[in-house]
């Protein structure tokens, strides 16, 4: 395997189960990303009303920070696209295998425990808000506060799926290593085996 192959190895490998999990996250997050545009438009309208006509409404302010909650979905997207912040100066000096080991350990002992703990607390938080029918303290505010609060556990589910996808990918690549190129699927493989079998996307380029 050439040095160029090693540098782009994980990007050129297709693992069915990883692609499926990643597609769930990217499909949801790319669609909800349009709320960012909506937030900017609402802010523009509110600022114009408040400072141009002195007619800003409290419910509009609340609607803005309700939509801000969708920004949390970007965390799972950052994981799937490898766009989250690391100590890159140190990370880039490691070999590909060491990077994958660090990814696996980080996901197992940092991201997943944190996600599970916060999710457990957030479910009770949302349930209480739903039971008491929590609403805004402002007379012209928005009702159904549990709706915006429910975005927290949903975002944590997406983070867990994204983390699981990265965990599987790095674990599979650690196990198979360079043997991925010669690792061809056969008719005797079980359905589960095919889901986890890495396949080179463009073998001719490698």
Protein backbone atom coordinates (compact mmCIF):
# COMPACT_ATOMS: atom_id res chain seq x y z
CA UNK A 1 0.00 0.00 0.00
CA UNK A 2 1.43 3.37 -1.01
CA UNK A 3 1.79 6.36 1.31
CA UNK A 4 -0.96 8.13 -0.62
CA UNK A 5 -3.27 5.19 0.05
CA UNK A 6 -2.56 5.30 3.78
CA UNK A 7 -3.37 9.01 3.94
CA UNK A 8 -6.79 8.57 2.35
CA UNK A 9 -7.46 5.03 3.51
CA UNK A 10 -10.48 5.58 5.73
CA UNK A 11 -12.05 7.99 3.22
CA UNK A 12 -11.88 5.40 0.43
CA UNK A 13 -13.40 2.55 2.45
CA UNK A 14 -17.12 1.80 2.35
CA UNK A 15 -18.66 -0.04 5.31
CA UNK A 16 -22.41 -0.62 4.75
CA UNK A 17 -23.53 -0.26 8.38
CA UNK A 18 -21.45 2.89 8.78
CA UNK A 19 -22.89 4.41 5.61
CA UNK A 20 -26.42 3.62 6.82
CA UNK A 21 -25.91 5.21 10.25
CA UNK A 22 -24.19 8.23 8.74
CA UNK A 23 -27.01 8.72 6.24
CA UNK A 24 -29.53 8.93 9.11
CA UNK A 25 -27.59 11.74 10.74
CA UNK A 26 -26.75 13.67 7.58
CA UNK A 27 -30.29 13.42 6.20
CA UNK A 28 -31.81 14.91 9.36
CA UNK A 29 -29.13 17.52 10.02
CA UNK A 30 -28.87 18.84 6.47
CA UNK A 31 -32.63 19.37 6.35
CA UNK A 32 -32.91 21.01 9.78
CA UNK A 33 -29.95 23.24 8.88
CA UNK A 34 -32.46 25.37 6.95
CA UNK A 35 -33.71 26.57 10.33
CA UNK A 36 -30.51 28.64 10.44
CA UNK A 37 -31.78 30.66 7.49
CA UNK A 38 -35.18 30.98 9.14
CA UNK A 39 -33.58 32.23 12.36
CA UNK A 40 -31.69 34.95 10.49
CA UNK A 41 -34.86 36.08 8.73
CA UNK A 42 -36.84 36.21 11.98
CA UNK A 43 -34.05 38.15 13.69
CA UNK A 44 -34.03 40.64 10.82
CA UNK A 45 -37.79 41.10 11.08
CA UNK A 46 -37.70 41.47 14.87
CA UNK A 47 -34.88 44.01 14.81
CA UNK A 48 -36.70 45.99 12.13
CA UNK A 49 -39.93 45.98 14.13
CA UNK A 50 -38.27 46.82 17.44
CA UNK A 51 -35.92 49.61 16.37
CA UNK A 52 -37.80 50.83 13.31
CA UNK A 53 -41.39 50.72 14.54
CA UNK A 54 -41.03 50.03 18.30
CA UNK A 55 -43.33 47.06 17.85
CA UNK A 56 -41.27 43.99 18.74
CA UNK A 57 -43.14 41.02 20.20
CA UNK A 58 -41.99 38.79 23.05
CA UNK A 59 -43.17 35.63 21.29
CA UNK A 60 -40.90 36.43 18.34
CA UNK A 61 -37.87 36.59 20.67
CA UNK A 62 -38.85 33.23 22.12
CA UNK A 63 -39.36 31.76 18.67
CA UNK A 64 -35.79 32.78 17.79
CA UNK A 65 -34.22 30.94 20.70
CA UNK A 66 -36.55 28.00 20.11
CA UNK A 67 -35.09 27.66 16.62
CA UNK A 68 -31.60 28.15 18.03
CA UNK A 69 -32.03 24.75 19.66
CA UNK A 70 -31.65 23.14 16.23
CA UNK A 71 -28.01 24.25 16.28
CA UNK A 72 -27.37 21.30 18.61
CA UNK A 73 -28.02 18.99 15.67
CA UNK A 74 -24.83 20.33 14.17
CA UNK A 75 -22.81 18.44 16.80
CA UNK A 76 -23.75 15.08 15.31
CA UNK A 77 -23.06 16.38 11.80
CA UNK A 78 -19.60 17.52 12.91
CA UNK A 79 -18.84 14.01 14.17
CA UNK A 80 -19.89 12.31 10.93
CA UNK A 81 -17.92 14.78 8.79
CA UNK A 82 -14.89 14.79 11.13
CA UNK A 83 -15.26 18.56 11.53
CA UNK A 84 -15.11 18.71 15.33
CA UNK A 85 -12.16 20.40 17.04
CA UNK A 86 -9.20 18.36 18.22
CA UNK A 87 -5.69 19.14 19.35
CA UNK A 88 -4.73 18.86 15.69
CA UNK A 89 -1.07 19.74 16.20
CA UNK A 90 -0.62 16.56 18.22
CA UNK A 91 -3.19 14.44 16.38
CA UNK A 92 -1.66 14.97 12.92
CA UNK A 93 1.70 13.63 14.09
CA UNK A 94 0.30 10.24 15.04
CA UNK A 95 0.19 7.30 12.66
CA UNK A 96 -3.18 6.38 11.19
CA UNK A 97 -3.43 3.39 13.52
CA UNK A 98 -2.77 5.52 16.62
CA UNK A 99 -5.35 8.06 15.45
CA UNK A 100 -7.92 5.29 15.10
CA UNK A 101 -7.11 3.93 18.57
CA UNK A 102 -7.53 7.41 20.07
CA UNK A 103 -10.85 7.79 18.24
CA UNK A 104 -12.13 4.46 19.60
CA UNK A 105 -11.06 5.22 23.17
CA UNK A 106 -12.43 8.76 23.01
CA UNK A 107 -15.80 7.58 21.79
CA UNK A 108 -16.04 4.71 24.30
CA UNK A 109 -14.92 6.59 27.39
CA UNK A 110 -15.85 10.21 26.67
CA UNK A 111 -18.54 10.83 24.07
CA UNK A 112 -20.83 7.85 24.68
CA UNK A 113 -20.90 8.00 28.51
CA UNK A 114 -21.53 11.76 28.37
CA UNK A 115 -24.29 11.31 25.78
CA UNK A 116 -26.03 8.54 27.73
CA UNK A 117 -25.93 10.42 31.05
CA UNK A 118 -27.24 13.70 29.61
CA UNK A 119 -29.89 11.85 27.60
CA UNK A 120 -31.12 10.10 30.74
CA UNK A 121 -31.52 13.41 32.56
CA UNK A 122 -33.04 15.21 29.56
CA UNK A 123 -35.85 12.68 29.12
CA UNK A 124 -37.11 13.36 32.64
CA UNK A 125 -36.73 17.09 32.03
CA UNK A 126 -38.90 16.94 28.90
CA UNK A 127 -41.44 14.62 30.54
CA UNK A 128 -41.92 16.99 33.46
CA UNK A 129 -42.36 19.91 31.07
CA UNK A 130 -45.01 17.95 29.16
CA UNK A 131 -46.90 16.79 32.27
CA UNK A 132 -47.16 20.27 33.80
CA UNK A 133 -47.86 21.80 30.37
CA UNK A 134 -45.01 24.27 30.79
CA UNK A 135 -45.42 27.55 28.93
CA UNK A 136 -43.79 30.95 28.74
CA UNK A 137 -43.97 33.33 31.69
CA UNK A 138 -44.66 36.17 29.27
CA UNK A 139 -48.34 36.79 28.61
CA UNK A 140 -47.64 36.95 24.88
CA UNK A 141 -45.08 34.14 24.99
CA UNK A 142 -45.19 30.71 23.41
CA UNK A 143 -46.89 27.64 24.93
CA UNK A 144 -45.79 24.02 24.78
CA UNK A 145 -42.27 24.58 26.13
CA UNK A 146 -41.73 20.79 26.06
CA UNK A 147 -41.44 20.90 22.27
CA UNK A 148 -38.24 22.93 22.27
CA UNK A 149 -36.89 20.99 25.25
CA UNK A 150 -37.42 17.70 23.39
CA UNK A 151 -34.79 18.78 20.86
CA UNK A 152 -32.10 18.09 23.48
CA UNK A 153 -32.70 14.31 23.78
CA UNK A 154 -33.24 14.11 20.01
CA UNK A 155 -29.89 15.79 19.39
CA UNK A 156 -28.25 13.40 21.86
CA UNK A 157 -29.71 10.42 19.97
CA UNK A 158 -28.19 11.79 16.77
CA UNK A 159 -24.84 12.29 18.53
CA UNK A 160 -24.98 8.69 19.76
CA UNK A 161 -25.73 7.39 16.25
CA UNK A 162 -22.92 9.48 14.78
CA UNK A 163 -20.50 8.30 17.49
CA UNK A 164 -21.54 4.67 16.99
CA UNK A 165 -20.90 5.04 13.26
CA UNK A 166 -17.40 6.41 13.89
CA UNK A 167 -16.73 3.73 16.51
CA UNK A 168 -17.65 0.94 14.10
CA UNK A 169 -15.63 2.48 11.27
CA UNK A 170 -12.44 2.90 13.28
CA UNK A 171 -12.78 -0.51 14.93
CA UNK A 172 -13.30 -2.27 11.60
CA UNK A 173 -10.33 -0.48 10.05
CA UNK A 174 -8.17 -1.42 13.03
CA UNK A 175 -9.16 -5.07 12.69
CA UNK A 176 -8.83 -5.37 8.92
CA UNK A 177 -6.06 -2.88 8.29
CA UNK A 178 -4.43 -3.19 4.88
CA UNK A 179 -6.24 -6.48 4.25
CA UNK A 180 -9.30 -4.47 3.26
CA UNK A 181 -8.12 -4.30 -0.35
CA UNK A 182 -8.06 -8.07 -0.69
CA UNK A 183 -11.12 -8.59 1.47
CA UNK A 184 -13.81 -9.43 -1.07
CA UNK A 185 -17.33 -10.39 -0.02
CA UNK A 186 -18.65 -13.78 -1.00
CA UNK A 187 -22.05 -15.43 -1.30
CA UNK A 188 -21.29 -17.43 1.85
CA UNK A 189 -21.09 -14.30 4.00
CA UNK A 190 -23.98 -13.74 6.40
CA UNK A 191 -26.04 -10.57 6.24
CA UNK A 192 -24.38 -9.26 9.41
CA UNK A 193 -20.90 -9.98 8.03
CA UNK A 194 -21.70 -8.01 4.87
CA UNK A 195 -22.87 -5.03 6.92
CA UNK A 196 -19.49 -4.79 8.63
CA UNK A 197 -17.26 -5.80 5.71
CA UNK A 198 -15.09 -2.91 4.47
CA UNK A 199 -14.85 -2.47 0.71
CA UNK A 200 -12.61 -0.11 -1.23
CA UNK A 201 -14.75 2.41 -3.12
CA UNK A 202 -12.37 3.05 -6.02
CA UNK A 203 -9.78 0.24 -6.08
CA UNK A 204 -8.36 1.36 -9.43
CA UNK A 205 -7.35 4.72 -7.98
CA UNK A 206 -5.53 2.95 -5.13
